[in-house]
Amino acid sequence: MSIQPALPKQTDQDESKGAVEGDRPTDKQQGNENADTPLGADGQPTDRIAIAEDVIGANADQTQG
């Protein structure tokens, strides 16, 4: 009886594209780096760059930012 060689593991080229969120802390996570932006007296974010980045991202994936 001959032993079959192990087949190479197929790689998924799209594995790291798109929204990736894991169930466990050791899994790859995705988050909003601008979530901790300070708020002004009116309760709105004060970091204009963070606001612009969120708008660009919302426009890119056609969601509300």
Protein backbone atom coordinates (compact mmCIF):
# COMPACT_ATOMS: atom_id res chain seq x y z
CA MET A 1 0.00 0.00 0.00
CA SER A 2 1.47 3.35 -1.01
CA ILE A 3 0.96 6.54 0.95
CA GLN A 4 -0.63 9.46 -0.91
CA PRO A 5 1.26 12.76 -0.60
CA ALA A 6 -0.64 15.52 1.14
CA LEU A 7 -2.23 17.99 -1.21
CA PRO A 8 -1.12 21.62 -0.83
CA LYS A 9 -3.53 23.79 1.10
CA GLN A 10 -5.49 26.05 -1.22
CA THR A 11 -5.22 29.73 -0.43
CA ASP A 12 -8.12 32.10 -0.75
CA GLN A 13 -6.92 35.27 -2.44
CA ASP A 14 -9.95 37.18 -1.14
CA GLU A 15 -9.48 36.11 2.47
CA SER A 16 -8.30 39.51 3.69
CA LYS A 17 -10.60 41.63 1.54
CA GLY A 18 -13.88 43.15 2.64
CA ALA A 19 -15.33 43.15 6.12
CA VAL A 20 -13.53 40.69 8.34
CA GLU A 21 -14.67 40.29 11.92
CA GLY A 22 -13.90 37.34 14.13
CA ASP A 23 -15.86 35.75 16.93
CA ARG A 24 -12.87 35.34 19.23
CA PRO A 25 -10.36 37.92 20.46
CA THR A 26 -7.58 36.04 18.64
CA ASP A 27 -9.39 36.34 15.28
CA LYS A 28 -8.70 39.16 12.86
CA GLN A 29 -10.84 42.16 13.83
CA GLN A 30 -12.01 45.24 12.01
CA GLY A 31 -12.93 48.45 13.72
CA ASN A 32 -13.38 52.15 13.33
CA GLU A 33 -10.19 53.92 14.39
CA ASN A 34 -12.15 57.15 14.62
CA ALA A 35 -14.68 55.84 17.14
CA ASP A 36 -12.93 57.59 20.04
CA THR A 37 -13.04 61.04 18.43
CA PRO A 38 -13.70 63.74 21.05
CA LEU A 39 -17.12 65.37 21.00
CA GLY A 40 -17.83 69.08 21.21
CA ALA A 41 -20.39 70.83 23.42
CA ASP A 42 -23.09 70.08 20.82
CA GLY A 43 -22.34 66.33 20.94
CA GLN A 44 -20.84 66.25 17.44
CA PRO A 45 -17.32 65.00 16.63
CA THR A 46 -14.70 67.75 16.53
CA ASP A 47 -11.95 66.01 14.52
CA ARG A 48 -12.50 67.23 10.96
CA ILE A 49 -10.04 64.71 9.48
CA ALA A 50 -11.80 61.79 11.18
CA ILE A 51 -15.17 63.05 9.92
CA ALA A 52 -13.80 63.32 6.37
CA GLU A 53 -12.36 59.78 6.53
CA ASP A 54 -15.70 58.40 7.70
CA VAL A 55 -17.54 60.24 4.91
CA ILE A 56 -15.12 58.89 2.29
CA GLY A 57 -15.59 55.34 3.64
CA ALA A 58 -19.38 55.67 3.72
CA ASN A 59 -19.41 56.97 0.16
CA ALA A 60 -17.13 54.14 -1.00
CA ASP A 61 -19.38 51.38 0.35
CA GLN A 62 -22.61 53.33 -0.14
CA THR A 63 -23.65 53.35 3.51
CA GLN A 64 -24.57 56.11 5.92
CA GLY A 65 -21.53 57.57 7.67
